[in-house]
């Protein structure tokens, strides 16, 4: 099933120049724009008073835990080769010399999406959509299997959820322990 879905998505590469360019842009650069927009979203003044730096901190902490702790641990335990190593495929971006499973991009951006969604539903939906586009573009470009993306998204969402729970409990304990 994974190979079948990969072929359906990746075989679209090379058909239309505009689609290839969009996929390469999404796979390589859209994430930078998304990060900048999230910082701006929570940095700009809003009607309600929320500690915006706390939200940004939670979002990026969850993303870094997902990408650089959980994903790397899974890759160390299960070093799955990338699609271009095993098959003749349409490769649109540079080869990466890392294991494929789970997708670090998907884990990072879905963790970010979950935290943004927790604090701003409307923006969170758009960030989830952008995260999905980044992730699917990685399959289209030939560097990930669909199951890599699914696993990365699950890692990201769970990391975001656990980070929020942990930090809310930590901050509530810290507030309770302050002297009067």
C-alpha atoms as a PDB file:
ATOM      1  CA  UNK A   1       0.000   0.000   0.000  1.00  0.00           C
ATOM      2  CA  UNK A   2       2.864   2.371   0.870  1.00  0.00           C
ATOM      3  CA  UNK A   3       4.586   1.726  -2.453  1.00  0.00           C
ATOM      4  CA  UNK A   4       1.296   2.094  -4.338  1.00  0.00           C
ATOM      5  CA  UNK A   5       0.521   5.497  -2.742  1.00  0.00           C
ATOM      6  CA  UNK A   6       4.102   6.628  -3.249  1.00  0.00           C
ATOM      7  CA  UNK A   7       3.940   5.746  -6.953  1.00  0.00           C
ATOM      8  CA  UNK A   8       0.609   7.563  -7.404  1.00  0.00           C
ATOM      9  CA  UNK A   9       2.006  10.745  -5.850  1.00  0.00           C
ATOM     10  CA  UNK A  10       5.587  10.609  -7.159  1.00  0.00           C
ATOM     11  CA  UNK A  11       4.567   9.707 -10.728  1.00  0.00           C
ATOM     12  CA  UNK A  12       3.000  13.175 -10.998  1.00  0.00           C
ATOM     13  CA  UNK A  13       6.529  14.621 -10.799  1.00  0.00           C
ATOM     14  CA  UNK A  14       7.953  15.572 -14.161  1.00  0.00           C
ATOM     15  CA  UNK A  15       4.524  16.031 -15.750  1.00  0.00           C
ATOM     16  CA  UNK A  16       4.113  19.786 -15.276  1.00  0.00           C
ATOM     17  CA  UNK A  17       6.890  22.289 -14.570  1.00  0.00           C
ATOM     18  CA  UNK A  18       4.633  24.484 -12.415  1.00  0.00           C
ATOM     19  CA  UNK A  19       3.681  21.505 -10.217  1.00  0.00           C
ATOM     20  CA  UNK A  20       7.315  20.443  -9.857  1.00  0.00           C
ATOM     21  CA  UNK A  21       8.282  24.002  -8.887  1.00  0.00           C
ATOM     22  CA  UNK A  22       5.434  24.195  -6.380  1.00  0.00           C
ATOM     23  CA  UNK A  23       6.461  20.865  -4.854  1.00  0.00           C
ATOM     24  CA  UNK A  24      10.117  21.845  -4.593  1.00  0.00           C
ATOM     25  CA  UNK A  25       9.152  25.188  -3.043  1.00  0.00           C
ATOM     26  CA  UNK A  26       6.814  23.476  -0.567  1.00  0.00           C
ATOM     27  CA  UNK A  27       9.271  20.710   0.304  1.00  0.00           C
ATOM     28  CA  UNK A  28      12.272  23.003   0.787  1.00  0.00           C
ATOM     29  CA  UNK A  29      11.129  26.565   1.592  1.00  0.00           C
ATOM     30  CA  UNK A  30       7.504  26.758   2.738  1.00  0.00           C
ATOM     31  CA  UNK A  31       8.522  25.685   6.231  1.00  0.00           C
ATOM     32  CA  UNK A  32      10.679  28.795   6.707  1.00  0.00           C
ATOM     33  CA  UNK A  33       7.777  31.028   5.732  1.00  0.00           C
ATOM     34  CA  UNK A  34       5.472  29.101   8.054  1.00  0.00           C
ATOM     35  CA  UNK A  35       7.833  29.541  11.018  1.00  0.00           C
ATOM     36  CA  UNK A  36       8.102  33.284  10.352  1.00  0.00           C
ATOM     37  CA  UNK A  37       4.320  33.615  10.072  1.00  0.00           C
ATOM     38  CA  UNK A  38       3.779  31.780  13.358  1.00  0.00           C
ATOM     39  CA  UNK A  39       6.204  34.054  15.164  1.00  0.00           C
ATOM     40  CA  UNK A  40       4.455  37.084  13.654  1.00  0.00           C
ATOM     41  CA  UNK A  41       1.001  35.700  14.470  1.00  0.00           C
ATOM     42  CA  UNK A  42       1.751  35.402  18.146  1.00  0.00           C
ATOM     43  CA  UNK A  43       4.052  38.413  18.352  1.00  0.00           C
ATOM     44  CA  UNK A  44       1.646  40.975  16.918  1.00  0.00           C
ATOM     45  CA  UNK A  45      -0.783  42.605  19.381  1.00  0.00           C
ATOM     46  CA  UNK A  46      -4.139  40.881  19.817  1.00  0.00           C
ATOM     47  CA  UNK A  47      -7.344  41.525  21.720  1.00  0.00           C
ATOM     48  CA  UNK A  48      -6.782  39.026  24.505  1.00  0.00           C
ATOM     49  CA  UNK A  49      -3.793  39.088  26.814  1.00  0.00           C
ATOM     50  CA  UNK A  50      -1.876  35.858  26.458  1.00  0.00           C
ATOM     51  CA  UNK A  51       1.761  35.312  27.171  1.00  0.00           C
ATOM     52  CA  UNK A  52       2.684  35.083  23.494  1.00  0.00           C
ATOM     53  CA  UNK A  53       6.299  34.132  24.096  1.00  0.00           C
ATOM     54  CA  UNK A  54       5.064  31.197  26.156  1.00  0.00           C
ATOM     55  CA  UNK A  55       3.013  29.991  23.192  1.00  0.00           C
ATOM     56  CA  UNK A  56       5.935  30.419  20.795  1.00  0.00           C
ATOM     57  CA  UNK A  57       8.193  28.619  23.281  1.00  0.00           C
ATOM     58  CA  UNK A  58       5.727  25.719  23.589  1.00  0.00           C
ATOM     59  CA  UNK A  59       5.314  25.445  19.816  1.00  0.00           C
ATOM     60  CA  UNK A  60       9.019  25.313  19.086  1.00  0.00           C
ATOM     61  CA  UNK A  61       9.869  23.149  22.091  1.00  0.00           C
ATOM     62  CA  UNK A  62       7.301  20.590  20.929  1.00  0.00           C
ATOM     63  CA  UNK A  63       8.678  20.775  17.384  1.00  0.00           C
ATOM     64  CA  UNK A  64      12.291  20.326  18.465  1.00  0.00           C
ATOM     65  CA  UNK A  65      11.407  17.429  20.775  1.00  0.00           C
ATOM     66  CA  UNK A  66       9.464  15.750  17.965  1.00  0.00           C
ATOM     67  CA  UNK A  67      12.154  16.268  15.330  1.00  0.00           C
ATOM     68  CA  UNK A  68      15.435  16.001  17.199  1.00  0.00           C
ATOM     69  CA  UNK A  69      14.556  13.577  20.007  1.00  0.00           C
ATOM     70  CA  UNK A  70      11.682  11.280  19.043  1.00  0.00           C
ATOM     71  CA  UNK A  71      12.370  11.081  15.293  1.00  0.00           C
ATOM     72  CA  UNK A  72      16.092  10.489  15.790  1.00  0.00           C
ATOM     73  CA  UNK A  73      15.412   7.770  18.364  1.00  0.00           C
ATOM     74  CA  UNK A  74      13.008   6.000  16.003  1.00  0.00           C
ATOM     75  CA  UNK A  75      15.453   6.352  13.094  1.00  0.00           C
ATOM     76  CA  UNK A  76      18.208   4.874  15.240  1.00  0.00           C
ATOM     77  CA  UNK A  77      15.987   1.907  16.166  1.00  0.00           C
ATOM     78  CA  UNK A  78      14.575   1.432  12.656  1.00  0.00           C
ATOM     79  CA  UNK A  79      16.808   2.841   9.893  1.00  0.00           C
ATOM     80  CA  UNK A  80      14.458   2.637   6.901  1.00  0.00           C
ATOM     81  CA  UNK A  81      15.981   3.596   3.519  1.00  0.00           C
ATOM     82  CA  UNK A  82      14.570   6.469   1.512  1.00  0.00           C
ATOM     83  CA  UNK A  83      12.518   5.750  -1.633  1.00  0.00           C
ATOM     84  CA  UNK A  84      15.245   6.835  -4.064  1.00  0.00           C
ATOM     85  CA  UNK A  85      17.650   4.231  -2.659  1.00  0.00           C
ATOM     86  CA  UNK A  86      15.419   1.237  -3.375  1.00  0.00           C
ATOM     87  CA  UNK A  87      13.619   2.330  -6.530  1.00  0.00           C
ATOM     88  CA  UNK A  88      13.900   4.292  -9.726  1.00  0.00           C
ATOM     89  CA  UNK A  89      11.825   7.345  -8.939  1.00  0.00           C
ATOM     90  CA  UNK A  90      11.352  10.989  -9.863  1.00  0.00           C
ATOM     91  CA  UNK A  91      13.720  12.806  -7.470  1.00  0.00           C
ATOM     92  CA  UNK A  92      13.203  16.579  -7.483  1.00  0.00           C
ATOM     93  CA  UNK A  93      15.360  17.681  -4.550  1.00  0.00           C
ATOM     94  CA  UNK A  94      18.802  16.802  -3.233  1.00  0.00           C
ATOM     95  CA  UNK A  95      19.409  13.356  -1.823  1.00  0.00           C
ATOM     96  CA  UNK A  96      19.489  13.125   1.956  1.00  0.00           C
ATOM     97  CA  UNK A  97      21.821  10.660   3.667  1.00  0.00           C
ATOM     98  CA  UNK A  98      19.542   9.882   6.607  1.00  0.00           C
ATOM     99  CA  UNK A  99      16.992   7.247   7.409  1.00  0.00           C
ATOM    100  CA  UNK A 100      13.518   7.954   6.098  1.00  0.00           C
ATOM    101  CA  UNK A 101      11.158   6.835   8.859  1.00  0.00           C
ATOM    102  CA  UNK A 102       9.526   8.886  10.330  1.00  0.00           C
ATOM    103  CA  UNK A 103       9.610  12.176   8.472  1.00  0.00           C
ATOM    104  CA  UNK A 104      11.397  14.839  10.492  1.00  0.00           C
ATOM    105  CA  UNK A 105       9.676  17.592   8.523  1.00  0.00           C
ATOM    106  CA  UNK A 106       6.238  16.140   9.239  1.00  0.00           C
ATOM    107  CA  UNK A 107       7.045  15.667  12.940  1.00  0.00           C
ATOM    108  CA  UNK A 108       8.367  19.232  13.283  1.00  0.00           C
ATOM    109  CA  UNK A 109       5.546  20.970  11.458  1.00  0.00           C
ATOM    110  CA  UNK A 110       2.682  18.884  12.846  1.00  0.00           C
ATOM    111  CA  UNK A 111       3.939  19.521  16.403  1.00  0.00           C
ATOM    112  CA  UNK A 112       3.997  23.222  15.567  1.00  0.00           C
ATOM    113  CA  UNK A 113       0.505  22.939  14.065  1.00  0.00           C
ATOM    114  CA  UNK A 114      -0.937  21.236  17.117  1.00  0.00           C
ATOM    115  CA  UNK A 115       0.320  23.895  19.531  1.00  0.00           C
ATOM    116  CA  UNK A 116      -0.864  26.732  17.293  1.00  0.00           C
ATOM    117  CA  UNK A 117      -4.268  25.031  16.964  1.00  0.00           C
ATOM    118  CA  UNK A 118      -4.508  24.716  20.753  1.00  0.00           C
ATOM    119  CA  UNK A 119      -4.262  28.507  21.149  1.00  0.00           C
ATOM    120  CA  UNK A 120      -5.786  29.745  17.883  1.00  0.00           C
ATOM    121  CA  UNK A 121      -8.131  27.349  16.080  1.00  0.00           C
ATOM    122  CA  UNK A 122      -8.433  29.334  12.842  1.00  0.00           C
ATOM    123  CA  UNK A 123      -4.684  29.847  12.445  1.00  0.00           C
ATOM    124  CA  UNK A 124      -4.083  26.264  13.546  1.00  0.00           C
ATOM    125  CA  UNK A 125      -6.178  24.876  10.699  1.00  0.00           C
ATOM    126  CA  UNK A 126      -4.124  26.887   8.190  1.00  0.00           C
ATOM    127  CA  UNK A 127      -0.882  25.715   9.788  1.00  0.00           C
ATOM    128  CA  UNK A 128      -2.104  22.110   9.609  1.00  0.00           C
ATOM    129  CA  UNK A 129      -2.878  22.608   5.902  1.00  0.00           C
ATOM    130  CA  UNK A 130       0.582  24.082   5.286  1.00  0.00           C
ATOM    131  CA  UNK A 131       2.170  21.203   7.235  1.00  0.00           C
ATOM    132  CA  UNK A 132       0.263  18.725   5.097  1.00  0.00           C
ATOM    133  CA  UNK A 133       1.431  20.473   1.899  1.00  0.00           C
ATOM    134  CA  UNK A 134       5.047  20.445   3.081  1.00  0.00           C
ATOM    135  CA  UNK A 135       4.765  16.759   3.932  1.00  0.00           C
ATOM    136  CA  UNK A 136       3.050  15.649   0.714  1.00  0.00           C
ATOM    137  CA  UNK A 137       5.573  17.661  -1.289  1.00  0.00           C
ATOM    138  CA  UNK A 138       8.314  15.538   0.309  1.00  0.00           C
ATOM    139  CA  UNK A 139       6.627  12.412  -1.106  1.00  0.00           C
ATOM    140  CA  UNK A 140       6.061  14.107  -4.470  1.00  0.00           C
ATOM    141  CA  UNK A 141       9.757  15.101  -4.551  1.00  0.00           C
ATOM    142  CA  UNK A 142      10.813  11.502  -3.880  1.00  0.00           C
ATOM    143  CA  UNK A 143      12.457  11.711  -0.453  1.00  0.00           C
ATOM    144  CA  UNK A 144       9.762  10.131   1.750  1.00  0.00           C
ATOM    145  CA  UNK A 145       7.298   7.280   1.743  1.00  0.00           C
ATOM    146  CA  UNK A 146       3.666   8.122   2.642  1.00  0.00           C
ATOM    147  CA  UNK A 147       3.997   6.059   5.841  1.00  0.00           C
ATOM    148  CA  UNK A 148       6.997   8.227   6.831  1.00  0.00           C
ATOM    149  CA  UNK A 149       4.719  11.251   6.615  1.00  0.00           C
ATOM    150  CA  UNK A 150       1.905   9.607   8.561  1.00  0.00           C
ATOM    151  CA  UNK A 151       4.269   8.463  11.320  1.00  0.00           C
ATOM    152  CA  UNK A 152       5.922  11.892  11.448  1.00  0.00           C
ATOM    153  CA  UNK A 153       2.532  13.593  11.733  1.00  0.00           C
ATOM    154  CA  UNK A 154       1.538  11.271  14.578  1.00  0.00           C
ATOM    155  CA  UNK A 155       4.860  11.883  16.367  1.00  0.00           C
ATOM    156  CA  UNK A 156       4.362  15.627  15.922  1.00  0.00           C
ATOM    157  CA  UNK A 157       0.802  15.750  17.208  1.00  0.00           C
ATOM    158  CA  UNK A 158       1.601  13.559  20.218  1.00  0.00           C
ATOM    159  CA  UNK A 159       4.727  15.603  20.977  1.00  0.00           C
ATOM    160  CA  UNK A 160       2.732  18.830  20.776  1.00  0.00           C
ATOM    161  CA  UNK A 161       0.018  17.460  23.022  1.00  0.00           C
ATOM    162  CA  UNK A 162       2.455  16.086  25.626  1.00  0.00           C
ATOM    163  CA  UNK A 163       4.522  19.274  25.621  1.00  0.00           C
ATOM    164  CA  UNK A 164       1.442  21.394  26.311  1.00  0.00           C
ATOM    165  CA  UNK A 165       0.310  19.078  29.118  1.00  0.00           C
ATOM    166  CA  UNK A 166       3.766  18.950  30.690  1.00  0.00           C
ATOM    167  CA  UNK A 167       4.352  22.715  30.520  1.00  0.00           C
ATOM    168  CA  UNK A 168       0.870  23.540  31.816  1.00  0.00           C
ATOM    169  CA  UNK A 169       1.434  21.278  34.801  1.00  0.00           C
ATOM    170  CA  UNK A 170       4.962  22.585  35.299  1.00  0.00           C
ATOM    171  CA  UNK A 171       3.858  26.223  35.185  1.00  0.00           C
ATOM    172  CA  UNK A 172       0.871  25.584  37.455  1.00  0.00           C
ATOM    173  CA  UNK A 173       3.156  23.843  39.995  1.00  0.00           C
ATOM    174  CA  UNK A 174       5.672  26.702  39.732  1.00  0.00           C
ATOM    175  CA  UNK A 175       2.900  29.242  40.406  1.00  0.00           C
ATOM    176  CA  UNK A 176       1.654  27.286  43.429  1.00  0.00           C
ATOM    177  CA  UNK A 177       5.122  26.990  44.939  1.00  0.00           C
ATOM    178  CA  UNK A 178       5.888  30.740  44.816  1.00  0.00           C
ATOM    179  CA  UNK A 179       5.908  32.378  48.278  1.00  0.00           C
ATOM    180  CA  UNK A 180       3.138  34.860  49.031  1.00  0.00           C
END
